[in-house]
């Protein structure tokens, strides 16, 4: 018999994929061998198999550190912005955050808003 359940509120980390060199570089370094480039597009290897990433999809880092794509309509129905939505450069990522955006040190957290509006780099990092 089916019963009703409520999903626990869990804060996730996500970025909108815009198919730019910067986004691809970030995903290659963060996801590593689980990020796959093929003739017909980009894919993330998940427990459910390879999932294709499309322009506008959100790439989510789950509560166990796993990555997976999510379609924009599902993302917007399932998630809302966190009150602490300054964004960041994940600690695991050592390359430049965006192709033309300088940052101070490879181990420094860069604040950027990845959700919907695109990256916004605060003055202290520009």
Protein backbone atom coordinates (compact mmCIF):
# COMPACT_ATOMS: atom_id res chain seq x y z
CA UNK A 1 0.00 0.00 0.00
CA UNK A 2 1.23 3.48 -0.84
CA UNK A 3 1.70 6.01 1.96
CA UNK A 4 2.45 9.72 1.77
CA UNK A 5 5.92 11.02 2.63
CA UNK A 6 7.45 14.48 2.79
CA UNK A 7 10.94 14.98 1.44
CA UNK A 8 13.34 16.16 4.14
CA UNK A 9 14.63 19.67 3.60
CA UNK A 10 18.25 19.33 2.56
CA UNK A 11 20.49 22.10 1.31
CA UNK A 12 22.23 21.15 -1.94
CA UNK A 13 24.83 22.84 -4.12
CA UNK A 14 24.07 23.41 -7.79
CA UNK A 15 25.13 25.35 -10.85
CA UNK A 16 23.29 26.04 -14.05
CA UNK A 17 25.08 24.48 -17.04
CA UNK A 18 25.52 26.97 -19.88
CA UNK A 19 27.74 24.84 -22.14
CA UNK A 20 30.63 27.29 -21.88
CA UNK A 21 34.32 26.45 -21.68
CA UNK A 22 34.31 27.64 -18.05
CA UNK A 23 31.40 25.37 -17.08
CA UNK A 24 32.99 22.41 -18.85
CA UNK A 25 36.34 23.01 -17.11
CA UNK A 26 34.63 23.19 -13.71
CA UNK A 27 32.74 19.94 -14.30
CA UNK A 28 35.79 18.12 -15.68
CA UNK A 29 37.80 18.94 -12.58
CA UNK A 30 35.05 18.43 -10.00
CA UNK A 31 33.48 15.30 -11.44
CA UNK A 32 36.62 13.83 -13.00
CA UNK A 33 36.19 10.55 -14.85
CA UNK A 34 32.45 10.64 -14.15
CA UNK A 35 32.18 13.61 -16.56
CA UNK A 36 32.10 12.22 -20.09
CA UNK A 37 32.45 14.11 -23.36
CA UNK A 38 30.99 12.36 -26.42
CA UNK A 39 30.20 13.36 -29.99
CA UNK A 40 26.53 13.83 -29.07
CA UNK A 41 27.13 15.91 -25.92
CA UNK A 42 28.24 15.80 -22.30
CA UNK A 43 27.23 13.17 -19.77
CA UNK A 44 27.60 12.48 -16.07
CA UNK A 45 28.04 8.88 -14.96
CA UNK A 46 25.63 8.26 -12.06
CA UNK A 47 24.43 5.20 -10.18
CA UNK A 48 21.51 5.11 -12.62
CA UNK A 49 23.83 5.18 -15.65
CA UNK A 50 25.03 7.96 -17.91
CA UNK A 51 22.81 11.03 -17.83
CA UNK A 52 23.08 13.62 -20.60
CA UNK A 53 23.63 17.27 -19.65
CA UNK A 54 21.75 19.84 -21.71
CA UNK A 55 22.01 23.61 -21.91
CA UNK A 56 20.14 25.07 -18.91
CA UNK A 57 20.24 21.89 -16.80
CA UNK A 58 21.29 22.30 -13.19
CA UNK A 59 24.22 20.21 -12.03
CA UNK A 60 23.58 19.20 -8.44
CA UNK A 61 26.05 17.96 -5.87
CA UNK A 62 24.01 15.62 -3.68
CA UNK A 63 24.26 15.05 0.04
CA UNK A 64 26.82 12.27 -0.46
CA UNK A 65 28.99 14.30 -2.83
CA UNK A 66 27.55 12.72 -5.98
CA UNK A 67 26.79 14.82 -9.07
CA UNK A 68 23.80 14.57 -11.34
CA UNK A 69 21.92 16.79 -13.82
CA UNK A 70 18.41 18.07 -13.20
CA UNK A 71 16.07 19.63 -15.77
CA UNK A 72 15.27 23.30 -15.07
CA UNK A 73 11.52 22.76 -14.53
CA UNK A 74 12.12 19.96 -12.01
CA UNK A 75 14.83 22.01 -10.27
CA UNK A 76 12.56 25.05 -9.92
CA UNK A 77 9.68 22.90 -8.62
CA UNK A 78 11.93 21.12 -6.10
CA UNK A 79 14.36 23.77 -4.85
CA UNK A 80 14.43 27.38 -3.75
CA UNK A 81 17.43 29.61 -3.19
CA UNK A 82 19.17 29.19 0.13
CA UNK A 83 19.31 32.26 2.40
CA UNK A 84 23.11 31.92 2.14
CA UNK A 85 23.25 32.10 -1.64
CA UNK A 86 26.51 33.92 -2.21
CA UNK A 87 27.84 30.99 -4.18
CA UNK A 88 31.37 29.71 -3.99
CA UNK A 89 34.20 27.99 -5.75
CA UNK A 90 34.11 24.42 -4.43
CA UNK A 91 37.26 23.52 -2.50
CA UNK A 92 37.91 20.59 -4.82
CA UNK A 93 38.17 22.92 -7.84
CA UNK A 94 41.65 24.40 -8.38
CA UNK A 95 41.24 25.97 -11.83
CA UNK A 96 39.84 29.37 -12.76
CA UNK A 97 36.17 29.78 -11.96
CA UNK A 98 35.33 31.43 -15.26
CA UNK A 99 37.47 31.88 -18.34
CA UNK A 100 37.98 35.63 -17.96
CA UNK A 101 37.56 35.98 -14.19
CA UNK A 102 40.75 36.26 -12.15
CA UNK A 103 40.84 35.03 -8.59
CA UNK A 104 43.44 35.45 -5.86
CA UNK A 105 44.59 31.93 -4.96
CA UNK A 106 43.73 28.40 -6.00
CA UNK A 107 42.71 27.39 -2.47
CA UNK A 108 40.61 30.50 -1.81
CA UNK A 109 36.85 30.29 -1.89
CA UNK A 110 35.43 32.55 -4.57
CA UNK A 111 31.93 33.84 -3.95
CA UNK A 112 29.70 33.59 -7.02
CA UNK A 113 25.97 33.19 -7.52
CA UNK A 114 25.45 30.17 -9.80
CA UNK A 115 21.66 29.98 -9.51
CA UNK A 116 19.70 31.38 -12.46
CA UNK A 117 21.28 34.81 -12.73
CA UNK A 118 24.71 33.53 -13.70
CA UNK A 119 27.91 34.24 -11.83
CA UNK A 120 28.22 37.46 -9.86
CA UNK A 121 31.70 38.03 -8.49
CA UNK A 122 31.78 40.41 -5.50
CA UNK A 123 34.14 43.39 -5.64
CA UNK A 124 36.61 41.87 -3.17
CA UNK A 125 37.39 39.13 -5.74
CA UNK A 126 37.57 41.23 -8.88
